[in-house]
N, C-alpha and C. Protein backbone atom coordinates (compact mmCIF):
# COMPACT_ATOMS: atom_id res chain seq x y z
N UNK A 1 56.38 -12.08 9.55
CA UNK A 1 55.20 -11.49 10.22
C UNK A 1 53.90 -11.53 9.45
N UNK A 2 54.18 -11.21 8.15
CA UNK A 2 53.05 -11.08 7.09
C UNK A 2 52.56 -12.58 6.91
N UNK A 3 53.46 -13.59 7.01
CA UNK A 3 53.11 -15.03 6.68
C UNK A 3 52.14 -15.46 7.80
N UNK A 4 52.49 -15.07 9.16
CA UNK A 4 51.71 -15.51 10.26
C UNK A 4 50.20 -14.93 10.20
N UNK A 5 50.23 -13.51 9.85
CA UNK A 5 49.03 -12.94 9.75
C UNK A 5 48.21 -13.49 8.61
N UNK A 6 48.79 -13.79 7.62
CA UNK A 6 47.98 -14.53 6.26
C UNK A 6 47.34 -15.76 6.89
N UNK A 7 48.25 -16.62 7.72
CA UNK A 7 47.74 -17.91 8.32
C UNK A 7 46.59 -17.70 9.20
N UNK A 8 46.52 -16.68 9.98
CA UNK A 8 45.46 -16.52 10.82
C UNK A 8 44.23 -16.06 10.11
N UNK A 9 44.36 -15.22 9.09
CA UNK A 9 43.31 -14.86 8.39
C UNK A 9 42.71 -15.99 7.53
N UNK A 10 43.56 -16.83 6.98
CA UNK A 10 42.97 -18.01 6.36
C UNK A 10 42.23 -18.94 7.37
N UNK A 11 42.66 -19.07 8.69
CA UNK A 11 41.88 -19.86 9.57
C UNK A 11 40.70 -19.30 10.07
N UNK A 12 40.54 -17.90 10.10
CA UNK A 12 39.33 -17.29 10.32
C UNK A 12 38.30 -17.47 9.10
N UNK A 13 38.81 -17.30 8.05
CA UNK A 13 38.00 -17.40 6.90
C UNK A 13 37.58 -18.81 6.80
N UNK A 14 38.32 -19.90 7.09
CA UNK A 14 38.04 -21.37 7.13
C UNK A 14 36.76 -21.40 8.14
N UNK A 15 36.83 -20.85 9.31
CA UNK A 15 35.89 -21.16 10.20
C UNK A 15 34.50 -20.39 9.73
N UNK A 16 34.58 -19.12 9.11
CA UNK A 16 33.53 -18.48 8.67
C UNK A 16 32.75 -19.33 7.49
N UNK A 17 33.55 -19.90 6.63
CA UNK A 17 32.99 -20.63 5.53
C UNK A 17 32.33 -22.02 6.12
N UNK A 18 33.02 -22.41 7.14
CA UNK A 18 32.40 -23.74 7.71
C UNK A 18 31.04 -23.41 8.42
N UNK A 19 31.04 -22.26 9.17
CA UNK A 19 29.73 -21.82 9.78
C UNK A 19 28.61 -21.58 8.64
N UNK A 20 29.00 -21.13 7.49
CA UNK A 20 28.00 -20.85 6.54
C UNK A 20 27.59 -22.13 5.85
N UNK A 21 28.35 -23.26 5.81
CA UNK A 21 27.95 -24.40 5.34
C UNK A 21 27.38 -25.52 6.48
N UNK A 22 27.12 -25.02 7.55
CA UNK A 22 26.49 -25.73 8.62
C UNK A 22 27.51 -26.86 9.05
N UNK A 23 28.75 -26.48 9.09
CA UNK A 23 29.71 -27.40 9.80
C UNK A 23 30.24 -26.75 10.94
N UNK A 24 31.30 -27.31 11.63
CA UNK A 24 31.95 -26.86 12.88
C UNK A 24 32.76 -25.79 12.59
N UNK A 25 32.41 -24.63 12.97
CA UNK A 25 33.37 -23.47 12.56
C UNK A 25 34.61 -23.47 13.47
N UNK A 26 34.33 -23.92 14.69
CA UNK A 26 35.45 -24.05 15.80
C UNK A 26 36.43 -25.14 15.18
N UNK A 27 36.02 -26.31 14.89
CA UNK A 27 36.86 -27.32 14.29
C UNK A 27 37.66 -26.95 13.16
N UNK A 28 36.88 -26.37 12.18
CA UNK A 28 37.65 -25.92 10.92
C UNK A 28 38.61 -24.75 11.24
N UNK A 29 38.33 -23.99 12.02
CA UNK A 29 39.30 -22.81 12.49
C UNK A 29 40.55 -23.42 12.98
N UNK A 30 40.46 -24.31 13.93
CA UNK A 30 41.66 -25.02 14.47
C UNK A 30 42.40 -25.85 13.42
N UNK A 31 41.60 -26.54 12.54
CA UNK A 31 42.28 -27.38 11.54
C UNK A 31 43.09 -26.46 10.66
N UNK A 32 42.54 -25.29 10.25
CA UNK A 32 43.33 -24.46 9.27
C UNK A 32 44.34 -23.81 10.07
N UNK A 33 44.36 -23.26 11.35
CA UNK A 33 45.15 -22.84 12.16
C UNK A 33 46.43 -23.78 12.27
N UNK A 34 46.12 -24.94 12.63
CA UNK A 34 47.24 -25.83 12.92
C UNK A 34 47.86 -26.60 11.68
N UNK A 35 46.88 -26.90 10.81
CA UNK A 35 47.52 -27.68 9.55
C UNK A 35 48.06 -26.61 8.45
N UNK A 36 47.20 -25.84 7.95
CA UNK A 36 47.74 -24.94 6.89
C UNK A 36 46.51 -24.32 6.26
N UNK A 37 46.82 -23.12 5.48
CA UNK A 37 45.67 -22.51 4.91
C UNK A 37 44.93 -23.35 3.83
N UNK A 38 45.53 -24.46 3.58
CA UNK A 38 44.87 -25.49 2.66
C UNK A 38 43.51 -26.01 3.21
N UNK A 39 43.36 -25.94 4.54
CA UNK A 39 42.15 -26.34 5.11
C UNK A 39 41.17 -25.29 4.74
N UNK A 40 41.49 -24.08 4.57
CA UNK A 40 40.45 -23.26 3.95
C UNK A 40 39.94 -23.59 2.59
N UNK A 41 40.82 -24.09 1.74
CA UNK A 41 40.42 -24.43 0.49
C UNK A 41 39.51 -25.66 0.53
N UNK A 42 39.82 -26.52 1.41
CA UNK A 42 39.19 -27.80 1.64
C UNK A 42 37.77 -27.48 1.95
N UNK A 43 37.51 -26.76 2.92
CA UNK A 43 36.14 -26.42 3.53
C UNK A 43 35.45 -25.54 2.41
N UNK A 44 36.09 -24.83 1.49
CA UNK A 44 35.44 -24.16 0.55
C UNK A 44 34.85 -24.97 -0.60
N UNK A 45 35.38 -26.10 -0.86
CA UNK A 45 34.96 -26.97 -1.90
C UNK A 45 34.05 -28.11 -1.33
N UNK A 46 34.07 -28.47 -0.11
CA UNK A 46 33.20 -29.51 0.34
C UNK A 46 31.72 -29.12 0.40
N UNK A 47 30.79 -29.97 0.04
CA UNK A 47 29.32 -29.50 0.22
C UNK A 47 28.89 -29.11 1.44
N UNK A 48 27.77 -28.34 1.53
CA UNK A 48 27.14 -28.01 2.69
C UNK A 48 26.48 -29.23 3.46
N UNK A 49 26.30 -29.15 4.65
CA UNK A 49 25.58 -30.16 5.44
C UNK A 49 24.25 -29.74 5.47
N UNK A 50 23.44 -30.42 4.44
CA UNK A 50 22.02 -29.91 4.35
C UNK A 50 21.13 -30.29 5.29
N UNK A 51 21.53 -31.60 6.04
CA UNK A 51 20.69 -32.05 7.07
C UNK A 51 20.63 -31.13 8.36
N UNK A 52 21.78 -30.57 8.57
CA UNK A 52 21.70 -29.63 9.72
C UNK A 52 21.13 -28.28 9.33
N UNK A 53 21.19 -27.95 8.19
CA UNK A 53 20.40 -26.78 7.63
C UNK A 53 19.02 -26.98 7.84
N UNK A 54 18.48 -28.14 7.46
CA UNK A 54 17.12 -28.41 7.51
C UNK A 54 16.65 -28.55 8.94
N UNK A 55 17.42 -29.00 9.80
CA UNK A 55 17.12 -29.25 11.15
C UNK A 55 17.00 -27.91 11.75
N UNK A 56 18.02 -26.84 11.48
CA UNK A 56 17.96 -25.45 11.90
C UNK A 56 16.67 -24.77 11.53
N UNK A 57 16.25 -24.89 10.07
CA UNK A 57 15.06 -24.32 9.65
C UNK A 57 13.87 -24.88 10.33
N UNK A 58 13.79 -26.12 10.67
CA UNK A 58 12.60 -26.74 11.29
C UNK A 58 12.60 -26.08 12.85
N UNK A 59 13.63 -26.02 13.42
CA UNK A 59 13.67 -25.44 14.81
C UNK A 59 13.29 -23.96 14.79
N UNK A 60 13.68 -23.23 13.82
CA UNK A 60 13.38 -21.75 13.79
C UNK A 60 11.94 -21.53 13.39
N UNK A 61 11.24 -22.48 12.71
CA UNK A 61 9.96 -22.28 12.25
C UNK A 61 9.97 -21.90 10.81
N UNK A 62 10.99 -21.93 10.17
CA UNK A 62 11.08 -21.48 8.68
C UNK A 62 10.54 -22.76 7.72
N UNK A 63 10.53 -23.89 8.48
CA UNK A 63 10.00 -25.14 7.75
C UNK A 63 9.07 -25.75 8.74
N UNK A 64 8.15 -26.61 8.11
CA UNK A 64 7.23 -27.43 9.06
C UNK A 64 7.16 -28.86 8.33
N UNK A 65 7.02 -29.99 9.26
CA UNK A 65 6.93 -31.16 8.62
C UNK A 65 5.54 -31.52 8.10
N UNK A 66 5.49 -32.27 7.00
CA UNK A 66 4.17 -32.73 6.39
C UNK A 66 3.61 -33.81 7.34
N UNK A 67 2.53 -33.83 7.65
CA UNK A 67 1.86 -34.68 8.59
C UNK A 67 1.76 -36.10 7.93
N UNK A 68 1.89 -36.17 6.47
CA UNK A 68 1.71 -37.43 5.90
C UNK A 68 3.10 -38.10 5.65
N UNK A 69 4.05 -37.38 5.22
CA UNK A 69 5.45 -38.16 4.83
C UNK A 69 6.62 -37.51 5.72
N UNK A 70 6.32 -36.59 6.59
CA UNK A 70 7.25 -36.01 7.46
C UNK A 70 8.52 -35.17 6.85
N UNK A 71 8.20 -34.96 5.49
CA UNK A 71 9.26 -34.16 4.86
C UNK A 71 9.06 -32.75 5.23
N UNK A 72 10.24 -32.04 5.21
CA UNK A 72 10.18 -30.49 5.58
C UNK A 72 9.63 -29.69 4.46
N UNK A 73 8.44 -28.77 4.75
CA UNK A 73 7.89 -28.09 3.71
C UNK A 73 7.77 -26.57 4.13
N UNK A 74 7.52 -25.77 3.36
CA UNK A 74 7.22 -24.31 3.72
C UNK A 74 6.00 -24.17 4.61
N UNK A 75 5.98 -23.31 5.66
CA UNK A 75 4.80 -23.21 6.42
C UNK A 75 3.49 -22.63 5.70
N UNK A 76 3.63 -21.95 4.66
CA UNK A 76 2.46 -21.53 3.91
C UNK A 76 1.98 -22.55 2.77
N UNK A 77 2.63 -23.67 2.83
CA UNK A 77 2.34 -24.77 1.81
C UNK A 77 0.71 -25.18 2.18
N UNK A 78 0.17 -25.41 1.15
CA UNK A 78 -1.34 -25.92 1.22
C UNK A 78 -1.26 -27.47 0.60
N UNK A 79 -0.17 -27.76 -0.23
CA UNK A 79 -0.02 -29.11 -0.52
C UNK A 79 1.37 -29.50 -0.46
N UNK A 80 1.80 -30.74 -0.06
CA UNK A 80 3.08 -31.24 0.26
C UNK A 80 3.74 -31.51 -1.32
N UNK A 81 4.98 -30.97 -1.50
CA UNK A 81 5.60 -31.12 -2.88
C UNK A 81 6.11 -32.46 -2.92
N UNK A 82 6.30 -33.24 -1.74
CA UNK A 82 6.92 -34.57 -1.86
C UNK A 82 5.91 -35.63 -2.11
N UNK A 83 4.76 -35.65 -1.26
CA UNK A 83 3.77 -36.72 -1.41
C UNK A 83 2.58 -36.24 -2.02
N UNK A 84 2.35 -34.90 -2.13
CA UNK A 84 1.16 -34.33 -2.91
C UNK A 84 -0.03 -34.40 -1.93
N UNK A 85 0.08 -34.65 -0.70
CA UNK A 85 -1.15 -34.58 0.18
C UNK A 85 -1.36 -33.23 0.69
N UNK A 86 -2.71 -32.97 0.87
CA UNK A 86 -3.11 -31.53 1.26
C UNK A 86 -2.62 -31.42 2.71
N UNK A 87 -2.10 -30.40 3.10
CA UNK A 87 -1.74 -29.88 4.59
C UNK A 87 -2.87 -29.20 5.24
N UNK A 88 -3.43 -29.92 6.25
CA UNK A 88 -4.47 -29.33 7.01
C UNK A 88 -4.11 -28.04 7.52
N UNK A 89 -5.14 -27.04 7.79
CA UNK A 89 -4.70 -25.69 8.46
C UNK A 89 -4.21 -25.90 9.69
N UNK A 90 -4.66 -26.93 10.51
CA UNK A 90 -4.17 -27.02 12.09
C UNK A 90 -2.72 -27.28 12.13
N UNK A 91 -2.20 -28.02 11.01
CA UNK A 91 -0.84 -28.29 11.07
C UNK A 91 0.08 -27.21 10.56
N UNK A 92 -0.49 -26.14 10.17
CA UNK A 92 0.23 -24.78 9.67
C UNK A 92 0.04 -23.68 10.66
N UNK A 93 0.28 -23.96 12.06
CA UNK A 93 -0.24 -23.16 12.92
C UNK A 93 0.65 -21.84 12.98
N UNK A 94 1.90 -21.85 12.33
CA UNK A 94 2.80 -20.55 12.19
C UNK A 94 2.63 -19.79 10.99
N UNK A 95 1.51 -20.23 10.29
CA UNK A 95 1.33 -19.42 8.96
C UNK A 95 1.10 -17.89 8.94
N UNK A 96 0.40 -17.53 9.94
CA UNK A 96 0.14 -15.96 9.97
C UNK A 96 0.80 -15.27 11.20
N UNK A 97 1.84 -15.83 11.77
CA UNK A 97 2.46 -15.29 12.91
C UNK A 97 3.48 -14.13 12.35
N UNK A 98 3.45 -12.95 12.94
CA UNK A 98 4.17 -11.83 12.57
C UNK A 98 5.17 -11.65 13.67
N UNK A 99 6.56 -11.69 13.14
CA UNK A 99 7.63 -11.55 14.21
C UNK A 99 7.94 -9.91 14.36
N UNK A 100 8.22 -9.59 15.49
CA UNK A 100 8.27 -8.17 15.72
C UNK A 100 9.60 -8.01 16.54
């Protein structure tokens, strides 16, 4: 019984780690549930999916795109750190918004 409980806890942990790394929590949960707790170790060592993290940050307004090079920059940026161009104020429309 303890082995089955350990197996399920490892599967849940794999799903949580996968979600944190912007990977499929559902997929990794079932991979760990059906394969073994080794899947939890695999998801723990693979790198995070930074493209999905960047897309999420753009969608949530934590990042905005530079009008010159289209790289993701901070909304408060005055100058793009990638291309060095000055970011016009009209492109930083979320700069002074307060979320309540």
